[in-house]
Amino acid sequence: MPHRTAGAAPGALSDLARLDLPSAELAVLSACQTALGGKELPNEAIHLAGALLLSNVRHVVFTIWKVEDNNAHQITDEVYTNLADPDLGINASRVAYALHETDDRARRQYPYHPLYWAPYVHFGP
């Protein structure tokens, strides 16, 4: 019996994890809890962010908690703004730095609302 994540089609995550995407530099997952497994398998290591990492996406930004839609939109826009390089376009090698800048600004602006800035995590080199 294949493992399932709540809301996912059977095998969808395992199919994604089997892909080989060596030229994929960046995936930004700003939906709720993109690094958590489904309700049926809460301790399972495979989740959307993990499947992308297994498929060789170099940098993955994901969330570990619930996020508000407006907040997710704003954080994602700011991460991409911080990644923009006038000469190179989107510079994926700066993902960790761009996320840190974004979280730091949000943390200073909303110090007593960690659910606004704390859910975002980066995996990659």
PDB file of N, CA and C in Angstrom:
ATOM      1  N   MET A   1       0.845  -1.177   0.000  1.00  0.00           N
ATOM      2  CA  MET A   1       0.000   0.000   0.000  1.00  0.00           C
ATOM      3  C   MET A   1       0.893   1.244   0.000  1.00  0.00           C
ATOM      4  N   PRO A   2       0.737   2.179  -0.960  1.00  0.00           N
ATOM      5  CA  PRO A   2       1.585   3.360  -1.017  1.00  0.00           C
ATOM      6  C   PRO A   2       1.267   4.319   0.115  1.00  0.00           C
ATOM      7  N   HIS A   3       2.299   5.069   0.546  1.00  0.00           N
ATOM      8  CA  HIS A   3       2.094   6.098   1.564  1.00  0.00           C
ATOM      9  C   HIS A   3       1.359   7.265   0.942  1.00  0.00           C
ATOM     10  N   ARG A   4       0.509   7.910   1.747  1.00  0.00           N
ATOM     11  CA  ARG A   4      -0.242   9.063   1.257  1.00  0.00           C
ATOM     12  C   ARG A   4      -0.080  10.218   2.208  1.00  0.00           C
ATOM     13  N   THR A   5      -0.098  11.404   1.669  1.00  0.00           N
ATOM     14  CA  THR A   5      -0.173  12.619   2.453  1.00  0.00           C
ATOM     15  C   THR A   5      -1.580  13.155   2.291  1.00  0.00           C
ATOM     16  N   ALA A   6      -2.140  13.691   3.364  1.00  0.00           N
ATOM     17  CA  ALA A   6      -3.509  14.198   3.298  1.00  0.00           C
ATOM     18  C   ALA A   6      -3.651  15.162   2.132  1.00  0.00           C
ATOM     19  N   GLY A   7      -4.671  14.950   1.322  1.00  0.00           N
ATOM     20  CA  GLY A   7      -4.944  15.831   0.206  1.00  0.00           C
ATOM     21  C   GLY A   7      -4.151  15.518  -1.046  1.00  0.00           C
ATOM     22  N   ALA A   8      -3.197  14.614  -0.983  1.00  0.00           N
ATOM     23  CA  ALA A   8      -2.373  14.291  -2.154  1.00  0.00           C
ATOM     24  C   ALA A   8      -2.907  13.032  -2.814  1.00  0.00           C
ATOM     25  N   ALA A   9      -2.737  12.974  -4.112  1.00  0.00           N
ATOM     26  CA  ALA A   9      -3.125  11.767  -4.842  1.00  0.00           C
ATOM     27  C   ALA A   9      -2.177  10.640  -4.454  1.00  0.00           C
ATOM     28  N   PRO A  10      -2.637   9.392  -4.497  1.00  0.00           N
ATOM     29  CA  PRO A  10      -1.759   8.277  -4.142  1.00  0.00           C
ATOM     30  C   PRO A  10      -0.472   8.318  -4.974  1.00  0.00           C
ATOM     31  N   GLY A  11       0.645   8.228  -4.294  1.00  0.00           N
ATOM     32  CA  GLY A  11       1.929   8.175  -4.976  1.00  0.00           C
ATOM     33  C   GLY A  11       2.461   9.518  -5.441  1.00  0.00           C
ATOM     34  N   ALA A  12       1.723  10.606  -5.277  1.00  0.00           N
ATOM     35  CA  ALA A  12       2.147  11.899  -5.804  1.00  0.00           C
ATOM     36  C   ALA A  12       3.503  12.330  -5.238  1.00  0.00           C
ATOM     37  N   LEU A  13       3.704  12.219  -3.947  1.00  0.00           N
ATOM     38  CA  LEU A  13       4.980  12.616  -3.351  1.00  0.00           C
ATOM     39  C   LEU A  13       6.105  11.677  -3.764  1.00  0.00           C
ATOM     40  N   SER A  14       5.834  10.391  -3.806  1.00  0.00           N
ATOM     41  CA  SER A  14       6.887   9.467  -4.212  1.00  0.00           C
ATOM     42  C   SER A  14       7.229   9.665  -5.690  1.00  0.00           C
ATOM     43  N   ASP A  15       6.240  10.006  -6.510  1.00  0.00           N
ATOM     44  CA  ASP A  15       6.514  10.308  -7.918  1.00  0.00           C
ATOM     45  C   ASP A  15       7.388  11.552  -8.037  1.00  0.00           C
ATOM     46  N   LEU A  16       7.081  12.562  -7.263  1.00  0.00           N
ATOM     47  CA  LEU A  16       7.875  13.790  -7.268  1.00  0.00           C
ATOM     48  C   LEU A  16       9.298  13.518  -6.789  1.00  0.00           C
ATOM     49  N   ALA A  17       9.431  12.739  -5.736  1.00  0.00           N
ATOM     50  CA  ALA A  17      10.746  12.437  -5.176  1.00  0.00           C
ATOM     51  C   ALA A  17      11.623  11.652  -6.157  1.00  0.00           C
ATOM     52  N   ARG A  18      11.006  10.883  -7.055  1.00  0.00           N
ATOM     53  CA  ARG A  18      11.761  10.084  -8.030  1.00  0.00           C
ATOM     54  C   ARG A  18      12.257  10.899  -9.219  1.00  0.00           C
ATOM     55  N   LEU A  19      11.753  12.115  -9.384  1.00  0.00           N
ATOM     56  CA  LEU A  19      12.209  12.946 -10.500  1.00  0.00           C
ATOM     57  C   LEU A  19      13.675  13.315 -10.314  1.00  0.00           C
ATOM     58  N   ASP A  20      14.357  13.560 -11.395  1.00  0.00           N
ATOM     59  CA  ASP A  20      15.733  14.049 -11.333  1.00  0.00           C
ATOM     60  C   ASP A  20      15.735  15.439 -11.955  1.00  0.00           C
ATOM     61  N   LEU A  21      15.821  16.460 -11.123  1.00  0.00           N
ATOM     62  CA  LEU A  21      15.732  17.847 -11.562  1.00  0.00           C
ATOM     63  C   LEU A  21      17.035  18.590 -11.263  1.00  0.00           C
ATOM     64  N   PRO A  22      18.156  18.180 -11.854  1.00  0.00           N
ATOM     65  CA  PRO A  22      19.447  18.769 -11.493  1.00  0.00           C
ATOM     66  C   PRO A  22      19.590  20.247 -11.844  1.00  0.00           C
ATOM     67  N   SER A  23      18.790  20.764 -12.755  1.00  0.00           N
ATOM     68  CA  SER A  23      18.908  22.178 -13.096  1.00  0.00           C
ATOM     69  C   SER A  23      17.929  23.043 -12.306  1.00  0.00           C
ATOM     70  N   ALA A  24      17.120  22.439 -11.446  1.00  0.00           N
ATOM     71  CA  ALA A  24      16.175  23.201 -10.621  1.00  0.00           C
ATOM     72  C   ALA A  24      16.934  23.842  -9.464  1.00  0.00           C
ATOM     73  N   GLU A  25      16.967  25.145  -9.447  1.00  0.00           N
ATOM     74  CA  GLU A  25      17.721  25.878  -8.438  1.00  0.00           C
ATOM     75  C   GLU A  25      16.909  26.204  -7.187  1.00  0.00           C
ATOM     76  N   LEU A  26      15.627  26.515  -7.357  1.00  0.00           N
ATOM     77  CA  LEU A  26      14.871  27.061  -6.239  1.00  0.00           C
ATOM     78  C   LEU A  26      13.402  26.665  -6.299  1.00  0.00           C
ATOM     79  N   ALA A  27      12.876  26.267  -5.155  1.00  0.00           N
ATOM     80  CA  ALA A  27      11.435  26.088  -4.969  1.00  0.00           C
ATOM     81  C   ALA A  27      11.063  26.831  -3.694  1.00  0.00           C
ATOM     82  N   VAL A  28      10.084  27.705  -3.778  1.00  0.00           N
ATOM     83  CA  VAL A  28       9.584  28.425  -2.609  1.00  0.00           C
ATOM     84  C   VAL A  28       8.161  27.940  -2.373  1.00  0.00           C
ATOM     85  N   LEU A  29       7.967  27.267  -1.251  1.00  0.00           N
ATOM     86  CA  LEU A  29       6.665  26.698  -0.887  1.00  0.00           C
ATOM     87  C   LEU A  29       6.086  27.544   0.236  1.00  0.00           C
ATOM     88  N   SER A  30       5.162  28.417  -0.090  1.00  0.00           N
ATOM     89  CA  SER A  30       4.645  29.337   0.920  1.00  0.00           C
ATOM     90  C   SER A  30       3.284  28.925   1.463  1.00  0.00           C
ATOM     91  N   ALA A  31       2.851  27.719   1.175  1.00  0.00           N
ATOM     92  CA  ALA A  31       1.602  27.215   1.740  1.00  0.00           C
ATOM     93  C   ALA A  31       1.853  26.721   3.166  1.00  0.00           C
ATOM     94  N   CYS A  32       0.800  26.401   3.862  1.00  0.00           N
ATOM     95  CA  CYS A  32       0.924  25.951   5.251  1.00  0.00           C
ATOM     96  C   CYS A  32       1.627  24.604   5.369  1.00  0.00           C
ATOM     97  N   GLN A  33       2.546  24.518   6.280  1.00  0.00           N
ATOM     98  CA  GLN A  33       3.165  23.268   6.721  1.00  0.00           C
ATOM     99  C   GLN A  33       3.664  22.384   5.580  1.00  0.00           C
ATOM    100  N   THR A  34       4.404  22.970   4.655  1.00  0.00           N
ATOM    101  CA  THR A  34       4.896  22.204   3.511  1.00  0.00           C
ATOM    102  C   THR A  34       6.025  21.250   3.883  1.00  0.00           C
ATOM    103  N   ALA A  35       6.468  21.285   5.130  1.00  0.00           N
ATOM    104  CA  ALA A  35       7.494  20.347   5.585  1.00  0.00           C
ATOM    105  C   ALA A  35       6.945  19.374   6.618  1.00  0.00           C
ATOM    106  N   LEU A  36       5.650  19.164   6.584  1.00  0.00           N
ATOM    107  CA  LEU A  36       5.041  18.190   7.490  1.00  0.00           C
ATOM    108  C   LEU A  36       4.390  17.088   6.676  1.00  0.00           C
ATOM    109  N   GLY A  37       4.449  15.885   7.205  1.00  0.00           N
ATOM    110  CA  GLY A  37       3.777  14.762   6.564  1.00  0.00           C
ATOM    111  C   GLY A  37       2.280  14.854   6.781  1.00  0.00           C
ATOM    112  N   GLY A  38       1.566  13.934   6.204  1.00  0.00           N
ATOM    113  CA  GLY A  38       0.110  13.923   6.315  1.00  0.00           C
ATOM    114  C   GLY A  38      -0.369  13.473   7.681  1.00  0.00           C
ATOM    115  N   LYS A  39      -1.652  13.625   7.927  1.00  0.00           N
ATOM    116  CA  LYS A  39      -2.250  13.239   9.203  1.00  0.00           C
ATOM    117  C   LYS A  39      -2.146  11.740   9.443  1.00  0.00           C
ATOM    118  N   GLU A  40      -2.193  10.959   8.360  1.00  0.00           N
ATOM    119  CA  GLU A  40      -2.122   9.511   8.506  1.00  0.00           C
ATOM    120  C   GLU A  40      -0.718   9.042   8.897  1.00  0.00           C
ATOM    121  N   LEU A  41       0.296   9.812   8.519  1.00  0.00           N
ATOM    122  CA  LEU A  41       1.698   9.431   8.766  1.00  0.00           C
ATOM    123  C   LEU A  41       2.477  10.616   9.325  1.00  0.00           C
ATOM    124  N   PRO A  42       2.141  11.104  10.515  1.00  0.00           N
ATOM    125  CA  PRO A  42       2.760  12.328  11.035  1.00  0.00           C
ATOM    126  C   PRO A  42       4.266  12.207  11.281  1.00  0.00           C
ATOM    127  N   ASN A  43       4.782  11.008  11.480  1.00  0.00           N
ATOM    128  CA  ASN A  43       6.212  10.832  11.732  1.00  0.00           C
ATOM    129  C   ASN A  43       6.994  10.492  10.465  1.00  0.00           C
ATOM    130  N   GLU A  44       6.317  10.460   9.348  1.00  0.00           N
ATOM    131  CA  GLU A  44       6.957  10.105   8.081  1.00  0.00           C
ATOM    132  C   GLU A  44       7.859  11.251   7.626  1.00  0.00           C
ATOM    133  N   ALA A  45       9.018  10.921   7.115  1.00  0.00           N
ATOM    134  CA  ALA A  45       9.980  11.935   6.685  1.00  0.00           C
ATOM    135  C   ALA A  45       9.612  12.555   5.346  1.00  0.00           C
ATOM    136  N   ILE A  46       8.805  11.892   4.563  1.00  0.00           N
ATOM    137  CA  ILE A  46       8.490  12.412   3.239  1.00  0.00           C
ATOM    138  C   ILE A  46       7.347  13.433   3.332  1.00  0.00           C
ATOM    139  N   HIS A  47       7.586  14.566   2.754  1.00  0.00           N
ATOM    140  CA  HIS A  47       6.622  15.659   2.671  1.00  0.00           C
ATOM    141  C   HIS A  47       6.971  16.426   1.412  1.00  0.00           C
ATOM    142  N   LEU A  48       6.227  17.438   1.077  1.00  0.00           N
ATOM    143  CA  LEU A  48       6.437  18.146  -0.180  1.00  0.00           C
ATOM    144  C   LEU A  48       7.850  18.723  -0.278  1.00  0.00           C
ATOM    145  N   ALA A  49       8.319  19.382   0.765  1.00  0.00           N
ATOM    146  CA  ALA A  49       9.673  19.950   0.740  1.00  0.00           C
ATOM    147  C   ALA A  49      10.720  18.845   0.610  1.00  0.00           C
ATOM    148  N   GLY A  50      10.554  17.760   1.346  1.00  0.00           N
ATOM    149  CA  GLY A  50      11.495  16.646   1.275  1.00  0.00           C
ATOM    150  C   GLY A  50      11.513  15.988  -0.094  1.00  0.00           C
ATOM    151  N   ALA A  51      10.343  15.857  -0.708  1.00  0.00           N
ATOM    152  CA  ALA A  51      10.274  15.266  -2.047  1.00  0.00           C
ATOM    153  C   ALA A  51      11.030  16.129  -3.054  1.00  0.00           C
ATOM    154  N   LEU A  52      10.924  17.439  -2.934  1.00  0.00           N
ATOM    155  CA  LEU A  52      11.669  18.333  -3.830  1.00  0.00           C
ATOM    156  C   LEU A  52      13.174  18.206  -3.614  1.00  0.00           C
ATOM    157  N   LEU A  53      13.579  18.088  -2.369  1.00  0.00           N
ATOM    158  CA  LEU A  53      15.005  17.902  -2.080  1.00  0.00           C
ATOM    159  C   LEU A  53      15.505  16.590  -2.667  1.00  0.00           C
ATOM    160  N   LEU A  54      14.708  15.532  -2.531  1.00  0.00           N
ATOM    161  CA  LEU A  54      15.091  14.231  -3.094  1.00  0.00           C
ATOM    162  C   LEU A  54      15.172  14.266  -4.616  1.00  0.00           C
ATOM    163  N   SER A  55      14.413  15.157  -5.234  1.00  0.00           N
ATOM    164  CA  SER A  55      14.434  15.256  -6.695  1.00  0.00           C
ATOM    165  C   SER A  55      15.532  16.196  -7.195  1.00  0.00           C
ATOM    166  N   ASN A  56      16.437  16.584  -6.301  1.00  0.00           N
ATOM    167  CA  ASN A  56      17.626  17.395  -6.622  1.00  0.00           C
ATOM    168  C   ASN A  56      17.372  18.876  -6.809  1.00  0.00           C
ATOM    169  N   VAL A  57      16.270  19.407  -6.272  1.00  0.00           N
ATOM    170  CA  VAL A  57      16.106  20.861  -6.262  1.00  0.00           C
ATOM    171  C   VAL A  57      17.146  21.389  -5.273  1.00  0.00           C
ATOM    172  N   ARG A  58      17.953  22.327  -5.708  1.00  0.00           N
ATOM    173  CA  ARG A  58      19.110  22.776  -4.933  1.00  0.00           C
ATOM    174  C   ARG A  58      18.727  23.530  -3.654  1.00  0.00           C
ATOM    175  N   HIS A  59      17.769  24.438  -3.745  1.00  0.00           N
ATOM    176  CA  HIS A  59      17.324  25.235  -2.592  1.00  0.00           C
ATOM    177  C   HIS A  59      15.815  25.101  -2.465  1.00  0.00           C
ATOM    178  N   VAL A  60      15.339  24.830  -1.246  1.00  0.00           N
ATOM    179  CA  VAL A  60      13.902  24.767  -0.988  1.00  0.00           C
ATOM    180  C   VAL A  60      13.604  25.625   0.239  1.00  0.00           C
ATOM    181  N   VAL A  61      12.696  26.563   0.069  1.00  0.00           N
ATOM    182  CA  VAL A  61      12.179  27.363   1.182  1.00  0.00           C
ATOM    183  C   VAL A  61      10.790  26.819   1.458  1.00  0.00           C
ATOM    184  N   PHE A  62      10.516  26.519   2.721  1.00  0.00           N
ATOM    185  CA  PHE A  62       9.245  25.893   3.072  1.00  0.00           C
ATOM    186  C   PHE A  62       8.781  26.380   4.424  1.00  0.00           C
ATOM    187  N   THR A  63       7.614  25.934   4.827  1.00  0.00           N
ATOM    188  CA  THR A  63       7.053  26.361   6.108  1.00  0.00           C
ATOM    189  C   THR A  63       6.857  25.153   7.027  1.00  0.00           C
ATOM    190  N   ILE A  64       7.009  25.407   8.314  1.00  0.00           N
ATOM    191  CA  ILE A  64       6.846  24.333   9.289  1.00  0.00           C
ATOM    192  C   ILE A  64       5.568  24.494  10.116  1.00  0.00           C
ATOM    193  N   TRP A  65       4.889  25.639   9.960  1.00  0.00           N
ATOM    194  CA  TRP A  65       3.643  25.891  10.670  1.00  0.00           C
ATOM    195  C   TRP A  65       2.628  26.451   9.693  1.00  0.00           C
ATOM    196  N   LYS A  66       1.442  26.705  10.200  1.00  0.00           N
ATOM    197  CA  LYS A  66       0.424  27.375   9.408  1.00  0.00           C
ATOM    198  C   LYS A  66       0.859  28.824   9.173  1.00  0.00           C
ATOM    199  N   VAL A  67       0.517  29.340   8.007  1.00  0.00           N
ATOM    200  CA  VAL A  67       0.814  30.731   7.678  1.00  0.00           C
ATOM    201  C   VAL A  67      -0.442  31.372   7.092  1.00  0.00           C
ATOM    202  N   GLU A  68      -0.571  32.668   7.293  1.00  0.00           N
ATOM    203  CA  GLU A  68      -1.694  33.400   6.715  1.00  0.00           C
ATOM    204  C   GLU A  68      -1.393  33.716   5.258  1.00  0.00           C
ATOM    205  N   ASP A  69      -2.418  33.698   4.421  1.00  0.00           N
ATOM    206  CA  ASP A  69      -2.229  33.934   2.991  1.00  0.00           C
ATOM    207  C   ASP A  69      -1.535  35.259   2.705  1.00  0.00           C
ATOM    208  N   ASN A  70      -2.008  36.343   3.304  1.00  0.00           N
ATOM    209  CA  ASN A  70      -1.399  37.660   3.046  1.00  0.00           C
ATOM    210  C   ASN A  70       0.053  37.693   3.484  1.00  0.00           C
ATOM    211  N   ASN A  71       0.324  37.097   4.629  1.00  0.00           N
ATOM    212  CA  ASN A  71       1.692  37.042   5.136  1.00  0.00           C
ATOM    213  C   ASN A  71       2.576  36.221   4.204  1.00  0.00           C
ATOM    214  N   ALA A  72       2.096  35.065   3.775  1.00  0.00           N
ATOM    215  CA  ALA A  72       2.883  34.211   2.884  1.00  0.00           C
ATOM    216  C   ALA A  72       3.211  34.944   1.589  1.00  0.00           C
ATOM    217  N   HIS A  73       2.254  35.657   1.062  1.00  0.00           N
ATOM    218  CA  HIS A  73       2.456  36.423  -0.163  1.00  0.00           C
ATOM    219  C   HIS A  73       3.536  37.485   0.057  1.00  0.00           C
ATOM    220  N   GLN A  74       3.428  38.226   1.149  1.00  0.00           N
ATOM    221  CA  GLN A  74       4.385  39.295   1.438  1.00  0.00           C
ATOM    222  C   GLN A  74       5.796  38.735   1.668  1.00  0.00           C
ATOM    223  N   ILE A  75       5.917  37.682   2.449  1.00  0.00           N
ATOM    224  CA  ILE A  75       7.226  37.086   2.720  1.00  0.00           C
ATOM    225  C   ILE A  75       7.847  36.554   1.422  1.00  0.00           C
ATOM    226  N   THR A  76       7.062  35.857   0.612  1.00  0.00           N
ATOM    227  CA  THR A  76       7.570  35.315  -0.649  1.00  0.00           C
ATOM    228  C   THR A  76       8.023  36.430  -1.585  1.00  0.00           C
ATOM    229  N   ASP A  77       7.216  37.476  -1.715  1.00  0.00           N
ATOM    230  CA  ASP A  77       7.610  38.610  -2.560  1.00  0.00           C
ATOM    231  C   ASP A  77       8.930  39.222  -2.089  1.00  0.00           C
ATOM    232  N   GLU A  78       9.063  39.369  -0.781  1.00  0.00           N
ATOM    233  CA  GLU A  78      10.281  39.988  -0.255  1.00  0.00           C
ATOM    234  C   GLU A  78      11.497  39.087  -0.438  1.00  0.00           C
ATOM    235  N   VAL A  79      11.322  37.781  -0.285  1.00  0.00           N
ATOM    236  CA  VAL A  79      12.444  36.863  -0.536  1.00  0.00           C
ATOM    237  C   VAL A  79      12.920  37.022  -1.978  1.00  0.00           C
ATOM    238  N   TYR A  80      11.986  37.025  -2.929  1.00  0.00           N
ATOM    239  CA  TYR A  80      12.369  37.186  -4.337  1.00  0.00           C
ATOM    240  C   TYR A  80      13.000  38.557  -4.594  1.00  0.00           C
ATOM    241  N   THR A  81      12.500  39.596  -3.960  1.00  0.00           N
ATOM    242  CA  THR A  81      13.108  40.921  -4.093  1.00  0.00           C
ATOM    243  C   THR A  81      14.542  40.896  -3.585  1.00  0.00           C
ATOM    244  N   ASN A  82      14.758  40.224  -2.460  1.00  0.00           N
ATOM    245  CA  ASN A  82      16.111  40.126  -1.891  1.00  0.00           C
ATOM    246  C   ASN A  82      17.031  39.239  -2.726  1.00  0.00           C
ATOM    247  N   LEU A  83      16.465  38.370  -3.552  1.00  0.00           N
ATOM    248  CA  LEU A  83      17.262  37.520  -4.433  1.00  0.00           C
ATOM    249  C   LEU A  83      17.638  38.209  -5.740  1.00  0.00           C
ATOM    250  N   ALA A  84      16.940  39.279  -6.066  1.00  0.00           N
ATOM    251  CA  ALA A  84      17.146  39.939  -7.355  1.00  0.00           C
ATOM    252  C   ALA A  84      18.543  40.564  -7.429  1.00  0.00           C
ATOM    253  N   ASP A  85      19.214  40.264  -8.513  1.00  0.00           N
ATOM    254  CA  ASP A  85      20.527  40.831  -8.804  1.00  0.00           C
ATOM    255  C   ASP A  85      20.407  41.539 -10.156  1.00  0.00           C
ATOM    256  N   PRO A  86      20.759  42.828 -10.218  1.00  0.00           N
ATOM    257  CA  PRO A  86      20.572  43.558 -11.478  1.00  0.00           C
ATOM    258  C   PRO A  86      21.280  42.916 -12.674  1.00  0.00           C
ATOM    259  N   ASP A  87      22.381  42.238 -12.441  1.00  0.00           N
ATOM    260  CA  ASP A  87      23.142  41.632 -13.537  1.00  0.00           C
ATOM    261  C   ASP A  87      22.772  40.176 -13.798  1.00  0.00           C
ATOM    262  N   LEU A  88      22.363  39.452 -12.750  1.00  0.00           N
ATOM    263  CA  LEU A  88      22.123  38.014 -12.874  1.00  0.00           C
ATOM    264  C   LEU A  88      20.655  37.616 -12.853  1.00  0.00           C
ATOM    265  N   GLY A  89      19.759  38.526 -12.565  1.00  0.00           N
ATOM    266  CA  GLY A  89      18.360  38.163 -12.356  1.00  0.00           C
ATOM    267  C   GLY A  89      18.200  37.574 -10.967  1.00  0.00           C
ATOM    268  N   ILE A  90      17.509  36.449 -10.866  1.00  0.00           N
ATOM    269  CA  ILE A  90      17.357  35.778  -9.568  1.00  0.00           C
ATOM    270  C   ILE A  90      18.633  35.002  -9.283  1.00  0.00           C
ATOM    271  N   ASN A  91      19.282  35.344  -8.195  1.00  0.00           N
ATOM    272  CA  ASN A  91      20.537  34.706  -7.809  1.00  0.00           C
ATOM    273  C   ASN A  91      20.255  33.696  -6.701  1.00  0.00           C
ATOM    274  N   ALA A  92      20.014  32.438  -7.083  1.00  0.00           N
ATOM    275  CA  ALA A  92      19.613  31.402  -6.124  1.00  0.00           C
ATOM    276  C   ALA A  92      20.688  31.100  -5.086  1.00  0.00           C
ATOM    277  N   SER A  93      21.931  31.441  -5.357  1.00  0.00           N
ATOM    278  CA  SER A  93      22.985  31.175  -4.365  1.00  0.00           C
ATOM    279  C   SER A  93      22.824  32.054  -3.126  1.00  0.00           C
ATOM    280  N   ARG A  94      21.950  33.037  -3.180  1.00  0.00           N
ATOM    281  CA  ARG A  94      21.713  33.943  -2.046  1.00  0.00           C
ATOM    282  C   ARG A  94      20.429  33.614  -1.279  1.00  0.00           C
ATOM    283  N   VAL A  95      19.852  32.442  -1.490  1.00  0.00           N
ATOM    284  CA  VAL A  95      18.554  32.131  -0.891  1.00  0.00           C
ATOM    285  C   VAL A  95      18.586  32.231   0.634  1.00  0.00           C
ATOM    286  N   ALA A  96      19.551  31.618   1.272  1.00  0.00           N
ATOM    287  CA  ALA A  96      19.604  31.645   2.742  1.00  0.00           C
ATOM    288  C   ALA A  96      19.722  33.082   3.243  1.00  0.00           C
ATOM    289  N   TYR A  97      20.556  33.867   2.590  1.00  0.00           N
ATOM    290  CA  TYR A  97      20.730  35.268   2.965  1.00  0.00           C
ATOM    291  C   TYR A  97      19.437  36.053   2.740  1.00  0.00           C
ATOM    292  N   ALA A  98      18.784  35.837   1.599  1.00  0.00           N
ATOM    293  CA  ALA A  98      17.540  36.551   1.290  1.00  0.00           C
ATOM    294  C   ALA A  98      16.445  36.222   2.298  1.00  0.00           C
ATOM    295  N   LEU A  99      16.323  34.938   2.670  1.00  0.00           N
ATOM    296  CA  LEU A  99      15.323  34.558   3.667  1.00  0.00           C
ATOM    297  C   LEU A  99      15.669  35.163   5.022  1.00  0.00           C
ATOM    298  N   HIS A 100      16.937  35.171   5.374  1.00  0.00           N
ATOM    299  CA  HIS A 100      17.352  35.768   6.643  1.00  0.00           C
ATOM    300  C   HIS A 100      17.016  37.261   6.677  1.00  0.00           C
ATOM    301  N   GLU A 101      17.311  37.976   5.605  1.00  0.00           N
ATOM    302  CA  GLU A 101      16.983  39.407   5.536  1.00  0.00           C
ATOM    303  C   GLU A 101      15.481  39.627   5.701  1.00  0.00           C
ATOM    304  N   THR A 102      14.705  38.815   5.021  1.00  0.00           N
ATOM    305  CA  THR A 102      13.245  38.928   5.075  1.00  0.00           C
ATOM    306  C   THR A 102      12.727  38.649   6.479  1.00  0.00           C
ATOM    307  N   ASP A 103      13.181  37.551   7.077  1.00  0.00           N
ATOM    308  CA  ASP A 103      12.746  37.206   8.434  1.00  0.00           C
ATOM    309  C   ASP A 103      13.189  38.253   9.445  1.00  0.00           C
ATOM    310  N   ASP A 104      14.389  38.772   9.285  1.00  0.00           N
ATOM    311  CA  ASP A 104      14.903  39.774  10.215  1.00  0.00           C
ATOM    312  C   ASP A 104      14.053  41.044  10.173  1.00  0.00           C
ATOM    313  N   ARG A 105      13.690  41.489   8.972  1.00  0.00           N
ATOM    314  CA  ARG A 105      12.845  42.671   8.840  1.00  0.00           C
ATOM    315  C   ARG A 105      11.477  42.422   9.481  1.00  0.00           C
ATOM    316  N   ALA A 106      10.878  41.277   9.192  1.00  0.00           N
ATOM    317  CA  ALA A 106       9.571  40.952   9.750  1.00  0.00           C
ATOM    318  C   ALA A 106       9.646  40.806  11.275  1.00  0.00           C
ATOM    319  N   ARG A 107      10.736  40.236  11.757  1.00  0.00           N
ATOM    320  CA  ARG A 107      10.907  40.064  13.214  1.00  0.00           C
ATOM    321  C   ARG A 107      11.008  41.420  13.899  1.00  0.00           C
ATOM    322  N   ARG A 108      11.712  42.365  13.282  1.00  0.00           N
ATOM    323  CA  ARG A 108      11.816  43.714  13.863  1.00  0.00           C
ATOM    324  C   ARG A 108      10.473  44.441  13.791  1.00  0.00           C
ATOM    325  N   GLN A 109       9.729  44.239  12.711  1.00  0.00           N
ATOM    326  CA  GLN A 109       8.452  44.911  12.539  1.00  0.00           C
ATOM    327  C   GLN A 109       7.368  44.311  13.441  1.00  0.00           C
ATOM    328  N   TYR A 110       7.396  42.990  13.634  1.00  0.00           N
ATOM    329  CA  TYR A 110       6.376  42.293  14.430  1.00  0.00           C
ATOM    330  C   TYR A 110       7.048  41.399  15.479  1.00  0.00           C
ATOM    331  N   PRO A 111       7.745  41.995  16.446  1.00  0.00           N
ATOM    332  CA  PRO A 111       8.519  41.176  17.389  1.00  0.00           C
ATOM    333  C   PRO A 111       7.674  40.249  18.262  1.00  0.00           C
ATOM    334  N   TYR A 112       6.420  40.576  18.474  1.00  0.00           N
ATOM    335  CA  TYR A 112       5.572  39.766  19.341  1.00  0.00           C
ATOM    336  C   TYR A 112       4.628  38.850  18.569  1.00  0.00           C
ATOM    337  N   HIS A 113       4.916  38.666  17.271  1.00  0.00           N
ATOM    338  CA  HIS A 113       4.098  37.799  16.418  1.00  0.00           C
ATOM    339  C   HIS A 113       4.989  36.830  15.639  1.00  0.00           C
ATOM    340  N   PRO A 114       5.601  35.894  16.343  1.00  0.00           N
ATOM    341  CA  PRO A 114       6.526  34.985  15.652  1.00  0.00           C
ATOM    342  C   PRO A 114       5.878  34.124  14.575  1.00  0.00           C
ATOM    343  N   LEU A 115       4.563  33.924  14.638  1.00  0.00           N
ATOM    344  CA  LEU A 115       3.916  33.148  13.580  1.00  0.00           C
ATOM    345  C   LEU A 115       3.943  33.897  12.252  1.00  0.00           C
ATOM    346  N   TYR A 116       4.266  35.174  12.298  1.00  0.00           N
ATOM    347  CA  TYR A 116       4.379  35.967  11.082  1.00  0.00           C
ATOM    348  C   TYR A 116       5.700  35.711  10.364  1.00  0.00           C
ATOM    349  N   TRP A 117       6.782  35.530  11.118  1.00  0.00           N
ATOM    350  CA  TRP A 117       8.115  35.413  10.514  1.00  0.00           C
ATOM    351  C   TRP A 117       8.845  34.103  10.795  1.00  0.00           C
ATOM    352  N   ALA A 118       8.487  33.362  11.796  1.00  0.00           N
ATOM    353  CA  ALA A 118       9.254  32.181  12.199  1.00  0.00           C
ATOM    354  C   ALA A 118       9.000  30.893  11.395  1.00  0.00           C
ATOM    355  N   PRO A 119       7.870  30.722  10.708  1.00  0.00           N
ATOM    356  CA  PRO A 119       7.610  29.428  10.057  1.00  0.00           C
ATOM    357  C   PRO A 119       8.489  29.097   8.864  1.00  0.00           C
ATOM    358  N   TYR A 120       9.240  30.050   8.352  1.00  0.00           N
ATOM    359  CA  TYR A 120       9.953  29.855   7.090  1.00  0.00           C
ATOM    360  C   TYR A 120      11.355  29.295   7.315  1.00  0.00           C
ATOM    361  N   VAL A 121      11.692  28.252   6.545  1.00  0.00           N
ATOM    362  CA  VAL A 121      12.965  27.540   6.691  1.00  0.00           C
ATOM    363  C   VAL A 121      13.561  27.327   5.319  1.00  0.00           C
ATOM    364  N   HIS A 122      14.885  27.312   5.251  1.00  0.00           N
ATOM    365  CA  HIS A 122      15.602  27.054   3.998  1.00  0.00           C
ATOM    366  C   HIS A 122      16.414  25.772   4.148  1.00  0.00           C
ATOM    367  N   PHE A 123      16.335  24.887   3.171  1.00  0.00           N
ATOM    368  CA  PHE A 123      17.234  23.740   3.049  1.00  0.00           C
ATOM    369  C   PHE A 123      18.016  23.934   1.759  1.00  0.00           C
ATOM    370  N   GLY A 124      19.283  23.713   1.843  1.00  0.00           N
ATOM    371  CA  GLY A 124      20.130  23.814   0.661  1.00  0.00           C
ATOM    372  C   GLY A 124      21.557  24.111   1.068  1.00  0.00           C
ATOM    373  N   PRO A 125      22.416  24.229   0.064  1.00  0.00           N
ATOM    374  CA  PRO A 125      23.839  24.461   0.373  1.00  0.00           C
ATOM    375  C   PRO A 125      24.095  25.847   0.926  1.00  0.00           C
TER     376      PRO A 125
END
